[in-house]
Amino acid sequence: MKKSGADYAYLHEAYGSVLSYTFAWVNSILIRPASMATITLTCAQYIMTPIFEDGCGDAPSLVRKLTAIIFLRKLDM
């Protein structure tokens, strides 16, 4: 197939406009942001583990979330 649009183009050819349009919106609003949140929170946990390893236990939730936000901002630029 020589159309641009990746998943949208394939779904449009196979199943029509409604399903491909719905998938594009769900992917943009739910799937990609949730995926990025999971990746950045996991990365923040791994980055913070050596810092808080000296008997303090896990990094505080707020510290992990702020680190994840910093990663998201860096990825956005």
C-alpha atoms as a PDB file:
ATOM      1  CA  MET A   1       0.000   0.000   0.000  1.00  0.00           C
ATOM      2  CA  LYS A   2       1.447   3.355  -0.974  1.00  0.00           C
ATOM      3  CA  LYS A   3      -0.694   5.604   1.231  1.00  0.00           C
ATOM      4  CA  SER A   4       0.634   7.605   4.137  1.00  0.00           C
ATOM      5  CA  GLY A   5      -1.030   7.439   7.526  1.00  0.00           C
ATOM      6  CA  ALA A   6       0.304   4.168   8.955  1.00  0.00           C
ATOM      7  CA  ASP A   7      -2.356   2.389  11.032  1.00  0.00           C
ATOM      8  CA  TYR A   8      -5.098   4.747   9.924  1.00  0.00           C
ATOM      9  CA  ALA A   9      -4.492   4.005   6.239  1.00  0.00           C
ATOM     10  CA  TYR A  10      -4.494   0.236   6.771  1.00  0.00           C
ATOM     11  CA  LEU A  11      -7.615   0.297   8.927  1.00  0.00           C
ATOM     12  CA  HIS A  12      -9.344   2.593   6.457  1.00  0.00           C
ATOM     13  CA  GLU A  13      -8.683   0.167   3.605  1.00  0.00           C
ATOM     14  CA  ALA A  14      -9.694  -2.897   5.615  1.00  0.00           C
ATOM     15  CA  TYR A  15     -12.636  -1.677   7.727  1.00  0.00           C
ATOM     16  CA  GLY A  16     -13.735   1.731   6.475  1.00  0.00           C
ATOM     17  CA  SER A  17     -13.874   5.291   7.708  1.00  0.00           C
ATOM     18  CA  VAL A  18     -15.648   4.911  11.044  1.00  0.00           C
ATOM     19  CA  LEU A  19     -13.298   2.374  12.591  1.00  0.00           C
ATOM     20  CA  SER A  20     -10.148   4.053  11.310  1.00  0.00           C
ATOM     21  CA  TYR A  21     -11.299   7.475  12.552  1.00  0.00           C
ATOM     22  CA  THR A  22     -12.239   6.033  15.961  1.00  0.00           C
ATOM     23  CA  PHE A  23      -8.887   4.275  16.249  1.00  0.00           C
ATOM     24  CA  ALA A  24      -7.015   7.464  15.380  1.00  0.00           C
ATOM     25  CA  TRP A  25      -8.794   9.409  18.130  1.00  0.00           C
ATOM     26  CA  VAL A  26      -8.475   6.680  20.752  1.00  0.00           C
ATOM     27  CA  ASN A  27      -4.813   6.311  19.892  1.00  0.00           C
ATOM     28  CA  SER A  28      -4.221  10.069  20.182  1.00  0.00           C
ATOM     29  CA  ILE A  29      -6.214  10.625  23.367  1.00  0.00           C
ATOM     30  CA  LEU A  30      -5.693   7.403  25.356  1.00  0.00           C
ATOM     31  CA  ILE A  31      -3.094   4.971  24.089  1.00  0.00           C
ATOM     32  CA  ARG A  32      -0.103   7.221  23.367  1.00  0.00           C
ATOM     33  CA  PRO A  33      -0.385   9.408  26.490  1.00  0.00           C
ATOM     34  CA  ALA A  34      -0.829   6.347  28.715  1.00  0.00           C
ATOM     35  CA  SER A  35       2.168   4.707  27.090  1.00  0.00           C
ATOM     36  CA  MET A  36       4.335   7.790  27.576  1.00  0.00           C
ATOM     37  CA  ALA A  37       3.225   8.089  31.204  1.00  0.00           C
ATOM     38  CA  THR A  38       4.114   4.472  31.896  1.00  0.00           C
ATOM     39  CA  ILE A  39       7.508   4.795  30.239  1.00  0.00           C
ATOM     40  CA  THR A  40       8.447   8.018  32.023  1.00  0.00           C
ATOM     41  CA  LEU A  41       7.240   6.842  35.447  1.00  0.00           C
ATOM     42  CA  THR A  42       9.210   3.628  35.070  1.00  0.00           C
ATOM     43  CA  CYS A  43      12.297   5.548  33.982  1.00  0.00           C
ATOM     44  CA  ALA A  44      11.902   7.924  36.931  1.00  0.00           C
ATOM     45  CA  GLN A  45      11.661   4.971  39.321  1.00  0.00           C
ATOM     46  CA  TYR A  46      14.876   3.480  37.954  1.00  0.00           C
ATOM     47  CA  ILE A  47      16.671   6.827  38.074  1.00  0.00           C
ATOM     48  CA  MET A  48      15.566   7.509  41.671  1.00  0.00           C
ATOM     49  CA  THR A  49      16.333   4.022  43.046  1.00  0.00           C
ATOM     50  CA  PRO A  50      20.095   4.586  43.567  1.00  0.00           C
ATOM     51  CA  ILE A  51      19.445   7.957  45.196  1.00  0.00           C
ATOM     52  CA  PHE A  52      16.928   6.639  47.745  1.00  0.00           C
ATOM     53  CA  GLU A  53      18.535   3.226  48.219  1.00  0.00           C
ATOM     54  CA  ASP A  54      20.333   4.053  51.488  1.00  0.00           C
ATOM     55  CA  GLY A  55      17.628   2.734  53.804  1.00  0.00           C
ATOM     56  CA  CYS A  56      14.935   5.230  52.832  1.00  0.00           C
ATOM     57  CA  GLY A  57      13.066   2.673  50.767  1.00  0.00           C
ATOM     58  CA  ASP A  58      11.450   3.703  47.505  1.00  0.00           C
ATOM     59  CA  ALA A  59      11.517   7.246  46.261  1.00  0.00           C
ATOM     60  CA  PRO A  60       8.515   9.299  47.361  1.00  0.00           C
ATOM     61  CA  SER A  61       5.676   9.300  44.897  1.00  0.00           C
ATOM     62  CA  LEU A  62       5.869  13.064  44.405  1.00  0.00           C
ATOM     63  CA  VAL A  63       9.574  12.866  43.517  1.00  0.00           C
ATOM     64  CA  ARG A  64       8.919  10.103  40.979  1.00  0.00           C
ATOM     65  CA  LYS A  65       6.072  12.059  39.397  1.00  0.00           C
ATOM     66  CA  LEU A  66       8.068  15.287  39.182  1.00  0.00           C
ATOM     67  CA  THR A  67      10.986  13.426  37.602  1.00  0.00           C
ATOM     68  CA  ALA A  68       8.595  11.865  35.105  1.00  0.00           C
ATOM     69  CA  ILE A  69       7.220  15.312  34.253  1.00  0.00           C
ATOM     70  CA  ILE A  70      10.769  16.541  33.617  1.00  0.00           C
ATOM     71  CA  PHE A  71      11.343  13.589  31.279  1.00  0.00           C
ATOM     72  CA  LEU A  72       8.095  14.318  29.454  1.00  0.00           C
ATOM     73  CA  ARG A  73       9.077  17.972  29.004  1.00  0.00           C
ATOM     74  CA  LYS A  74      12.473  16.939  27.626  1.00  0.00           C
ATOM     75  CA  LEU A  75      10.859  14.481  25.220  1.00  0.00           C
ATOM     76  CA  ASP A  76       8.392  17.126  24.067  1.00  0.00           C
ATOM     77  CA  MET A  77      11.097  19.557  22.961  1.00  0.00           C
END
